[in-house]
Amino acid sequence: MGCPQGSVCGPIFWDICIDPCIREFHEMREVHSVVAYVDVIVILVDADSRREIEGKAKNIMIRVKQWWDPRIIPNYLYGLWNS
């Protein structure tokens, strides 16, 4: 959305934007490990039951939303950049 596909700056912007989020994942007790490649992030959790996995995943997604929401570029600014 914010950087054209195939842009030379794309990987740099991705690193700048997502690295702090990945670092926060590593600090979460629910997270077993994080794998990030190109534009995909996989968050692995360790649990003994499906219910525990679902609970941990829900907590992780709440934290992701709390981290990401203040950083999202409002749609009106995105429209200005691409006009």
N, C-alpha and C. Protein backbone atom coordinates (compact mmCIF):
# COMPACT_ATOMS: atom_id res chain seq x y z
N MET A 1 0.81 -1.19 0.00
CA MET A 1 0.00 0.00 0.00
C MET A 1 0.86 1.26 0.00
N GLY A 2 1.83 1.33 0.91
CA GLY A 2 2.60 2.54 1.03
C GLY A 2 3.81 2.63 0.13
N CYS A 3 4.23 1.52 -0.43
CA CYS A 3 5.42 1.50 -1.29
C CYS A 3 5.12 0.60 -2.49
N PRO A 4 5.34 1.10 -3.70
CA PRO A 4 5.01 0.30 -4.89
C PRO A 4 5.74 -1.04 -4.92
N GLN A 5 5.06 -2.06 -5.43
CA GLN A 5 5.66 -3.39 -5.58
C GLN A 5 6.89 -3.30 -6.48
N GLY A 6 7.97 -3.90 -6.06
CA GLY A 6 9.19 -3.89 -6.85
C GLY A 6 10.04 -2.64 -6.64
N SER A 7 9.62 -1.77 -5.75
CA SER A 7 10.37 -0.55 -5.48
C SER A 7 11.72 -0.87 -4.85
N VAL A 8 12.73 -0.11 -5.20
CA VAL A 8 14.05 -0.28 -4.62
C VAL A 8 14.01 0.00 -3.12
N CYS A 9 13.17 0.94 -2.71
CA CYS A 9 13.08 1.31 -1.30
C CYS A 9 12.19 0.37 -0.49
N GLY A 10 11.41 -0.47 -1.16
CA GLY A 10 10.46 -1.34 -0.47
C GLY A 10 11.05 -2.15 0.67
N PRO A 11 12.14 -2.91 0.45
CA PRO A 11 12.70 -3.70 1.54
C PRO A 11 13.19 -2.85 2.72
N ILE A 12 13.72 -1.69 2.43
CA ILE A 12 14.20 -0.81 3.50
C ILE A 12 13.03 -0.31 4.33
N PHE A 13 11.95 0.14 3.66
CA PHE A 13 10.77 0.61 4.39
C PHE A 13 10.16 -0.52 5.21
N TRP A 14 10.12 -1.72 4.65
CA TRP A 14 9.59 -2.88 5.37
C TRP A 14 10.40 -3.10 6.65
N ASP A 15 11.72 -3.10 6.53
CA ASP A 15 12.57 -3.31 7.70
C ASP A 15 12.35 -2.23 8.76
N ILE A 16 12.28 -1.00 8.33
CA ILE A 16 12.08 0.12 9.27
C ILE A 16 10.75 0.00 9.98
N CYS A 17 9.71 -0.37 9.25
CA CYS A 17 8.37 -0.42 9.82
C CYS A 17 8.14 -1.65 10.69
N ILE A 18 8.61 -2.80 10.26
CA ILE A 18 8.21 -4.04 10.92
C ILE A 18 9.20 -4.53 11.97
N ASP A 19 10.46 -4.12 11.90
CA ASP A 19 11.46 -4.60 12.85
C ASP A 19 11.07 -4.34 14.31
N PRO A 20 10.59 -3.14 14.67
CA PRO A 20 10.19 -2.93 16.07
C PRO A 20 9.06 -3.86 16.50
N CYS A 21 8.15 -4.17 15.59
CA CYS A 21 7.05 -5.08 15.92
C CYS A 21 7.59 -6.48 16.17
N ILE A 22 8.51 -6.94 15.33
CA ILE A 22 9.09 -8.27 15.51
C ILE A 22 9.86 -8.34 16.83
N ARG A 23 10.56 -7.28 17.16
CA ARG A 23 11.28 -7.25 18.43
C ARG A 23 10.32 -7.39 19.61
N GLU A 24 9.17 -6.73 19.50
CA GLU A 24 8.17 -6.83 20.56
C GLU A 24 7.62 -8.26 20.65
N PHE A 25 7.44 -8.93 19.52
CA PHE A 25 6.98 -10.32 19.54
C PHE A 25 7.94 -11.18 20.38
N HIS A 26 9.23 -10.97 20.19
CA HIS A 26 10.23 -11.78 20.89
C HIS A 26 10.15 -11.58 22.40
N GLU A 27 9.62 -10.45 22.85
CA GLU A 27 9.51 -10.17 24.28
C GLU A 27 8.24 -10.75 24.89
N MET A 28 7.30 -11.19 24.06
CA MET A 28 6.03 -11.71 24.56
C MET A 28 6.20 -13.15 25.04
N ARG A 29 5.69 -13.45 26.21
CA ARG A 29 5.84 -14.80 26.77
C ARG A 29 5.05 -15.83 25.98
N GLU A 30 3.99 -15.40 25.28
CA GLU A 30 3.16 -16.34 24.50
C GLU A 30 3.87 -16.84 23.24
N VAL A 31 4.86 -16.08 22.77
CA VAL A 31 5.50 -16.37 21.48
C VAL A 31 6.67 -17.33 21.66
N HIS A 32 6.64 -18.42 20.91
CA HIS A 32 7.76 -19.37 20.92
C HIS A 32 8.87 -18.88 20.00
N SER A 33 8.50 -18.48 18.77
CA SER A 33 9.46 -17.90 17.85
C SER A 33 8.73 -17.13 16.75
N VAL A 34 9.50 -16.32 16.04
CA VAL A 34 8.96 -15.50 14.96
C VAL A 34 9.82 -15.72 13.72
N VAL A 35 9.16 -15.93 12.60
CA VAL A 35 9.85 -16.08 11.32
C VAL A 35 9.30 -15.01 10.38
N ALA A 36 10.18 -14.20 9.82
CA ALA A 36 9.76 -13.16 8.87
C ALA A 36 10.55 -13.33 7.59
N TYR A 37 9.84 -13.36 6.48
CA TYR A 37 10.48 -13.49 5.18
C TYR A 37 9.68 -12.69 4.16
N VAL A 38 10.33 -11.82 3.46
CA VAL A 38 9.74 -10.92 2.47
C VAL A 38 8.61 -10.16 3.16
N ASP A 39 7.35 -10.41 2.81
CA ASP A 39 6.26 -9.66 3.45
C ASP A 39 5.34 -10.57 4.28
N VAL A 40 5.91 -11.65 4.80
CA VAL A 40 5.14 -12.60 5.59
C VAL A 40 5.77 -12.72 6.98
N ILE A 41 4.93 -12.71 8.00
CA ILE A 41 5.41 -12.93 9.37
C ILE A 41 4.64 -14.12 9.92
N VAL A 42 5.37 -15.09 10.44
CA VAL A 42 4.77 -16.25 11.08
C VAL A 42 5.14 -16.21 12.55
N ILE A 43 4.13 -16.27 13.41
CA ILE A 43 4.34 -16.26 14.85
C ILE A 43 3.99 -17.64 15.37
N LEU A 44 4.95 -18.32 15.97
CA LEU A 44 4.74 -19.67 16.49
C LEU A 44 4.51 -19.63 17.99
N VAL A 45 3.50 -20.35 18.44
CA VAL A 45 3.22 -20.46 19.87
C VAL A 45 3.33 -21.92 20.27
N ASP A 46 3.68 -22.13 21.52
CA ASP A 46 3.81 -23.48 22.06
C ASP A 46 2.70 -23.66 23.09
N ALA A 47 1.92 -24.75 22.95
CA ALA A 47 0.82 -24.98 23.88
C ALA A 47 0.51 -26.47 23.93
N ASP A 48 -0.23 -26.84 24.96
CA ASP A 48 -0.60 -28.24 25.16
C ASP A 48 -1.99 -28.58 24.63
N SER A 49 -2.78 -27.58 24.30
CA SER A 49 -4.13 -27.85 23.82
C SER A 49 -4.55 -26.79 22.81
N ARG A 50 -5.58 -27.12 22.06
CA ARG A 50 -6.11 -26.17 21.08
C ARG A 50 -6.62 -24.91 21.78
N ARG A 51 -7.28 -25.09 22.90
CA ARG A 51 -7.80 -23.94 23.67
C ARG A 51 -6.67 -23.01 24.09
N GLU A 52 -5.56 -23.58 24.52
CA GLU A 52 -4.42 -22.76 24.93
C GLU A 52 -3.81 -22.03 23.73
N ILE A 53 -3.72 -22.70 22.59
CA ILE A 53 -3.22 -22.05 21.37
C ILE A 53 -4.12 -20.88 21.00
N GLU A 54 -5.44 -21.12 21.02
CA GLU A 54 -6.37 -20.05 20.66
C GLU A 54 -6.27 -18.87 21.62
N GLY A 55 -6.12 -19.15 22.92
CA GLY A 55 -5.98 -18.07 23.90
C GLY A 55 -4.72 -17.26 23.68
N LYS A 56 -3.61 -17.96 23.45
CA LYS A 56 -2.35 -17.27 23.21
C LYS A 56 -2.41 -16.47 21.90
N ALA A 57 -2.98 -17.06 20.86
CA ALA A 57 -3.10 -16.36 19.57
C ALA A 57 -3.95 -15.11 19.71
N LYS A 58 -5.03 -15.20 20.47
CA LYS A 58 -5.88 -14.02 20.69
C LYS A 58 -5.10 -12.92 21.40
N ASN A 59 -4.35 -13.27 22.44
CA ASN A 59 -3.54 -12.28 23.15
C ASN A 59 -2.50 -11.64 22.23
N ILE A 60 -1.89 -12.45 21.39
CA ILE A 60 -0.89 -11.93 20.46
C ILE A 60 -1.53 -10.95 19.48
N MET A 61 -2.68 -11.31 18.93
CA MET A 61 -3.35 -10.44 17.96
C MET A 61 -3.82 -9.13 18.60
N ILE A 62 -4.23 -9.19 19.85
CA ILE A 62 -4.59 -7.95 20.57
C ILE A 62 -3.37 -7.06 20.68
N ARG A 63 -2.23 -7.63 21.06
CA ARG A 63 -0.99 -6.85 21.17
C ARG A 63 -0.55 -6.29 19.83
N VAL A 64 -0.68 -7.11 18.76
CA VAL A 64 -0.31 -6.63 17.42
C VAL A 64 -1.18 -5.43 17.07
N LYS A 65 -2.47 -5.53 17.30
CA LYS A 65 -3.38 -4.42 16.99
C LYS A 65 -3.03 -3.18 17.81
N GLN A 66 -2.75 -3.36 19.10
CA GLN A 66 -2.37 -2.23 19.96
C GLN A 66 -1.07 -1.59 19.46
N TRP A 67 -0.14 -2.41 18.98
CA TRP A 67 1.12 -1.87 18.49
C TRP A 67 0.93 -1.17 17.16
N TRP A 68 0.14 -1.77 16.27
CA TRP A 68 0.06 -1.30 14.90
C TRP A 68 -0.88 -0.12 14.70
N ASP A 69 -2.03 -0.09 15.39
CA ASP A 69 -3.05 0.93 15.15
C ASP A 69 -2.52 2.37 15.16
N PRO A 70 -1.71 2.77 16.13
CA PRO A 70 -1.23 4.15 16.12
C PRO A 70 -0.25 4.46 14.98
N ARG A 71 0.26 3.41 14.34
CA ARG A 71 1.26 3.60 13.30
C ARG A 71 0.69 3.54 11.88
N ILE A 72 -0.57 3.17 11.75
CA ILE A 72 -1.17 3.04 10.42
C ILE A 72 -1.34 4.42 9.80
N ILE A 73 -0.99 4.52 8.55
CA ILE A 73 -1.15 5.78 7.83
C ILE A 73 -2.64 5.95 7.51
N PRO A 74 -3.24 7.04 7.96
CA PRO A 74 -4.66 7.24 7.65
C PRO A 74 -4.91 7.19 6.15
N ASN A 75 -6.07 6.66 5.76
CA ASN A 75 -6.40 6.49 4.35
C ASN A 75 -6.34 7.80 3.57
N TYR A 76 -6.73 8.91 4.18
CA TYR A 76 -6.71 10.17 3.44
C TYR A 76 -5.29 10.58 3.09
N LEU A 77 -4.32 10.28 3.97
CA LEU A 77 -2.93 10.60 3.62
C LEU A 77 -2.43 9.69 2.53
N TYR A 78 -2.82 8.42 2.58
CA TYR A 78 -2.43 7.49 1.52
C TYR A 78 -2.93 7.99 0.18
N GLY A 79 -4.15 8.49 0.13
CA GLY A 79 -4.72 9.03 -1.10
C GLY A 79 -3.93 10.24 -1.61
N LEU A 80 -3.46 11.07 -0.69
CA LEU A 80 -2.68 12.25 -1.09
C LEU A 80 -1.34 11.83 -1.69
N TRP A 81 -0.71 10.81 -1.11
CA TRP A 81 0.58 10.36 -1.59
C TRP A 81 0.50 9.75 -2.97
N ASN A 82 -0.62 9.14 -3.30
CA ASN A 82 -0.75 8.42 -4.56
C ASN A 82 -1.52 9.21 -5.62
N SER A 83 -1.70 10.50 -5.43
CA SER A 83 -2.42 11.28 -6.43
C SER A 83 -1.48 11.95 -7.41
